[in-house]
Amino acid sequence: MARKKISNELRKALQPLLPIAEHSGKGGRPRVDDRAVLNGILS
């Protein structure tokens, strides 16, 4: 089943609600792209 990708307009509208990506310097798992997460949630 193909998933739809979110539009640029929707992403721009949701961008102020997303946390700012900060690097702790302690290592750990790399951050997942916000757009990929939104696609997973909204699809």
PDB file of N, CA and C in Angstrom:
ATOM      1  N   MET A   1       0.846  -1.178   0.000  1.00  0.00           N
ATOM      2  CA  MET A   1       0.000   0.000   0.000  1.00  0.00           C
ATOM      3  C   MET A   1       0.891   1.241   0.000  1.00  0.00           C
ATOM      4  N   ALA A   2       0.699   2.109  -0.955  1.00  0.00           N
ATOM      5  CA  ALA A   2       1.503   3.319  -1.057  1.00  0.00           C
ATOM      6  C   ALA A   2       0.997   4.366  -0.069  1.00  0.00           C
ATOM      7  N   ARG A   3       1.938   5.040   0.536  1.00  0.00           N
ATOM      8  CA  ARG A   3       1.578   6.112   1.466  1.00  0.00           C
ATOM      9  C   ARG A   3       1.701   7.449   0.758  1.00  0.00           C
ATOM     10  N   LYS A   4       0.821   8.361   1.104  1.00  0.00           N
ATOM     11  CA  LYS A   4       0.896   9.705   0.557  1.00  0.00           C
ATOM     12  C   LYS A   4       1.921  10.497   1.351  1.00  0.00           C
ATOM     13  N   LYS A   5       2.616  11.372   0.655  1.00  0.00           N
ATOM     14  CA  LYS A   5       3.552  12.261   1.327  1.00  0.00           C
ATOM     15  C   LYS A   5       2.816  13.541   1.689  1.00  0.00           C
ATOM     16  N   ILE A   6       3.203  14.146   2.813  1.00  0.00           N
ATOM     17  CA  ILE A   6       2.551  15.386   3.215  1.00  0.00           C
ATOM     18  C   ILE A   6       2.996  16.513   2.282  1.00  0.00           C
ATOM     19  N   SER A   7       2.130  17.471   2.105  1.00  0.00           N
ATOM     20  CA  SER A   7       2.427  18.587   1.211  1.00  0.00           C
ATOM     21  C   SER A   7       3.347  19.587   1.906  1.00  0.00           C
ATOM     22  N   ASN A   8       3.986  20.416   1.104  1.00  0.00           N
ATOM     23  CA  ASN A   8       4.845  21.464   1.656  1.00  0.00           C
ATOM     24  C   ASN A   8       4.034  22.440   2.493  1.00  0.00           C
ATOM     25  N   GLU A   9       2.799  22.718   2.082  1.00  0.00           N
ATOM     26  CA  GLU A   9       1.957  23.654   2.815  1.00  0.00           C
ATOM     27  C   GLU A   9       1.634  23.124   4.212  1.00  0.00           C
ATOM     28  N   LEU A  10       1.300  21.838   4.296  1.00  0.00           N
ATOM     29  CA  LEU A  10       0.999  21.239   5.595  1.00  0.00           C
ATOM     30  C   LEU A  10       2.242  21.215   6.471  1.00  0.00           C
ATOM     31  N   ARG A  11       3.385  20.886   5.887  1.00  0.00           N
ATOM     32  CA  ARG A  11       4.620  20.845   6.661  1.00  0.00           C
ATOM     33  C   ARG A  11       4.968  22.230   7.203  1.00  0.00           C
ATOM     34  N   LYS A  12       4.796  23.262   6.388  1.00  0.00           N
ATOM     35  CA  LYS A  12       5.078  24.626   6.836  1.00  0.00           C
ATOM     36  C   LYS A  12       4.129  25.045   7.951  1.00  0.00           C
ATOM     37  N   ALA A  13       2.878  24.604   7.882  1.00  0.00           N
ATOM     38  CA  ALA A  13       1.903  24.940   8.921  1.00  0.00           C
ATOM     39  C   ALA A  13       2.239  24.248  10.239  1.00  0.00           C
ATOM     40  N   LEU A  14       2.780  23.031  10.172  1.00  0.00           N
ATOM     41  CA  LEU A  14       3.096  22.271  11.377  1.00  0.00           C
ATOM     42  C   LEU A  14       4.483  22.574  11.933  1.00  0.00           C
ATOM     43  N   GLN A  15       5.354  23.176  11.153  1.00  0.00           N
ATOM     44  CA  GLN A  15       6.739  23.415  11.558  1.00  0.00           C
ATOM     45  C   GLN A  15       6.864  24.166  12.891  1.00  0.00           C
ATOM     46  N   PRO A  16       6.077  25.216  13.160  1.00  0.00           N
ATOM     47  CA  PRO A  16       6.212  25.911  14.449  1.00  0.00           C
ATOM     48  C   PRO A  16       5.862  25.035  15.658  1.00  0.00           C
ATOM     49  N   LEU A  17       5.138  23.957  15.444  1.00  0.00           N
ATOM     50  CA  LEU A  17       4.739  23.083  16.542  1.00  0.00           C
ATOM     51  C   LEU A  17       5.793  22.030  16.878  1.00  0.00           C
ATOM     52  N   LEU A  18       6.780  21.866  16.002  1.00  0.00           N
ATOM     53  CA  LEU A  18       7.797  20.838  16.191  1.00  0.00           C
ATOM     54  C   LEU A  18       8.957  21.376  17.026  1.00  0.00           C
ATOM     55  N   PRO A  19       9.566  20.509  17.843  1.00  0.00           N
ATOM     56  CA  PRO A  19      10.708  20.964  18.649  1.00  0.00           C
ATOM     57  C   PRO A  19      11.920  21.243  17.765  1.00  0.00           C
ATOM     58  N   ILE A  20      12.779  22.133  18.249  1.00  0.00           N
ATOM     59  CA  ILE A  20      14.012  22.448  17.543  1.00  0.00           C
ATOM     60  C   ILE A  20      14.991  21.303  17.766  1.00  0.00           C
ATOM     61  N   ALA A  21      15.633  20.861  16.694  1.00  0.00           N
ATOM     62  CA  ALA A  21      16.584  19.749  16.792  1.00  0.00           C
ATOM     63  C   ALA A  21      17.846  20.224  17.498  1.00  0.00           C
ATOM     64  N   GLU A  22      18.161  19.580  18.601  1.00  0.00           N
ATOM     65  CA  GLU A  22      19.368  19.910  19.352  1.00  0.00           C
ATOM     66  C   GLU A  22      20.230  18.664  19.465  1.00  0.00           C
ATOM     67  N   HIS A  23      21.531  18.849  19.361  1.00  0.00           N
ATOM     68  CA  HIS A  23      22.462  17.744  19.513  1.00  0.00           C
ATOM     69  C   HIS A  23      23.042  17.807  20.921  1.00  0.00           C
ATOM     70  N   SER A  24      22.978  16.701  21.635  1.00  0.00           N
ATOM     71  CA  SER A  24      23.443  16.694  23.014  1.00  0.00           C
ATOM     72  C   SER A  24      24.955  16.566  23.122  1.00  0.00           C
ATOM     73  N   GLY A  25      25.598  16.040  22.093  1.00  0.00           N
ATOM     74  CA  GLY A  25      27.034  15.842  22.162  1.00  0.00           C
ATOM     75  C   GLY A  25      27.418  14.554  22.868  1.00  0.00           C
ATOM     76  N   LYS A  26      26.430  13.821  23.370  1.00  0.00           N
ATOM     77  CA  LYS A  26      26.687  12.579  24.086  1.00  0.00           C
ATOM     78  C   LYS A  26      26.620  11.369  23.162  1.00  0.00           C
ATOM     79  N   GLY A  27      26.345  11.603  21.902  1.00  0.00           N
ATOM     80  CA  GLY A  27      26.191  10.485  20.977  1.00  0.00           C
ATOM     81  C   GLY A  27      24.754  10.034  20.952  1.00  0.00           C
ATOM     82  N   GLY A  28      24.553   8.768  20.686  1.00  0.00           N
ATOM     83  CA  GLY A  28      23.201   8.232  20.648  1.00  0.00           C
ATOM     84  C   GLY A  28      22.681   8.088  19.238  1.00  0.00           C
ATOM     85  N   ARG A  29      21.419   7.766  19.160  1.00  0.00           N
ATOM     86  CA  ARG A  29      20.774   7.509  17.876  1.00  0.00           C
ATOM     87  C   ARG A  29      20.616   8.815  17.103  1.00  0.00           C
ATOM     88  N   PRO A  30      20.891   8.778  15.789  1.00  0.00           N
ATOM     89  CA  PRO A  30      20.683   9.978  14.977  1.00  0.00           C
ATOM     90  C   PRO A  30      19.199  10.348  14.913  1.00  0.00           C
ATOM     91  N   ARG A  31      18.933  11.624  14.841  1.00  0.00           N
ATOM     92  CA  ARG A  31      17.560  12.118  14.785  1.00  0.00           C
ATOM     93  C   ARG A  31      16.915  11.744  13.452  1.00  0.00           C
ATOM     94  N   VAL A  32      15.653  11.363  13.509  1.00  0.00           N
ATOM     95  CA  VAL A  32      14.887  11.038  12.306  1.00  0.00           C
ATOM     96  C   VAL A  32      14.311  12.337  11.757  1.00  0.00           C
ATOM     97  N   ASP A  33      14.288  12.459  10.441  1.00  0.00           N
ATOM     98  CA  ASP A  33      13.766  13.649   9.783  1.00  0.00           C
ATOM     99  C   ASP A  33      12.311  13.888  10.182  1.00  0.00           C
ATOM    100  N   ASP A  34      11.972  15.131  10.538  1.00  0.00           N
ATOM    101  CA  ASP A  34      10.611  15.473  10.964  1.00  0.00           C
ATOM    102  C   ASP A  34       9.580  15.130   9.899  1.00  0.00           C
ATOM    103  N   ARG A  35       9.914  15.361   8.637  1.00  0.00           N
ATOM    104  CA  ARG A  35       8.966  15.077   7.555  1.00  0.00           C
ATOM    105  C   ARG A  35       8.665  13.581   7.482  1.00  0.00           C
ATOM    106  N   ALA A  36       9.675  12.733   7.690  1.00  0.00           N
ATOM    107  CA  ALA A  36       9.466  11.285   7.663  1.00  0.00           C
ATOM    108  C   ALA A  36       8.558  10.853   8.811  1.00  0.00           C
ATOM    109  N   VAL A  37       8.736  11.461   9.972  1.00  0.00           N
ATOM    110  CA  VAL A  37       7.888  11.136  11.122  1.00  0.00           C
ATOM    111  C   VAL A  37       6.453  11.574  10.857  1.00  0.00           C
ATOM    112  N   LEU A  38       6.267  12.786  10.344  1.00  0.00           N
ATOM    113  CA  LEU A  38       4.918  13.269  10.039  1.00  0.00           C
ATOM    114  C   LEU A  38       4.241  12.398   8.987  1.00  0.00           C
ATOM    115  N   ASN A  39       4.996  11.965   7.990  1.00  0.00           N
ATOM    116  CA  ASN A  39       4.429  11.064   6.980  1.00  0.00           C
ATOM    117  C   ASN A  39       3.944   9.780   7.628  1.00  0.00           C
ATOM    118  N   GLY A  40       4.721   9.240   8.561  1.00  0.00           N
ATOM    119  CA  GLY A  40       4.330   8.007   9.234  1.00  0.00           C
ATOM    120  C   GLY A  40       3.097   8.174  10.098  1.00  0.00           C
ATOM    121  N   ILE A  41       2.988   9.300  10.776  1.00  0.00           N
ATOM    122  CA  ILE A  41       1.851   9.542  11.666  1.00  0.00           C
ATOM    123  C   ILE A  41       0.578   9.826  10.871  1.00  0.00           C
ATOM    124  N   LEU A  42       0.681  10.638   9.840  1.00  0.00           N
ATOM    125  CA  LEU A  42      -0.502  11.096   9.111  1.00  0.00           C
ATOM    126  C   LEU A  42      -0.909  10.190   7.958  1.00  0.00           C
ATOM    127  N   SER A  43      -0.121   9.178   7.660  1.00  0.00           N
ATOM    128  CA  SER A  43      -0.464   8.281   6.548  1.00  0.00           C
ATOM    129  C   SER A  43      -1.313   7.135   7.027  1.00  0.00           C
TER     130      SER A  43
END
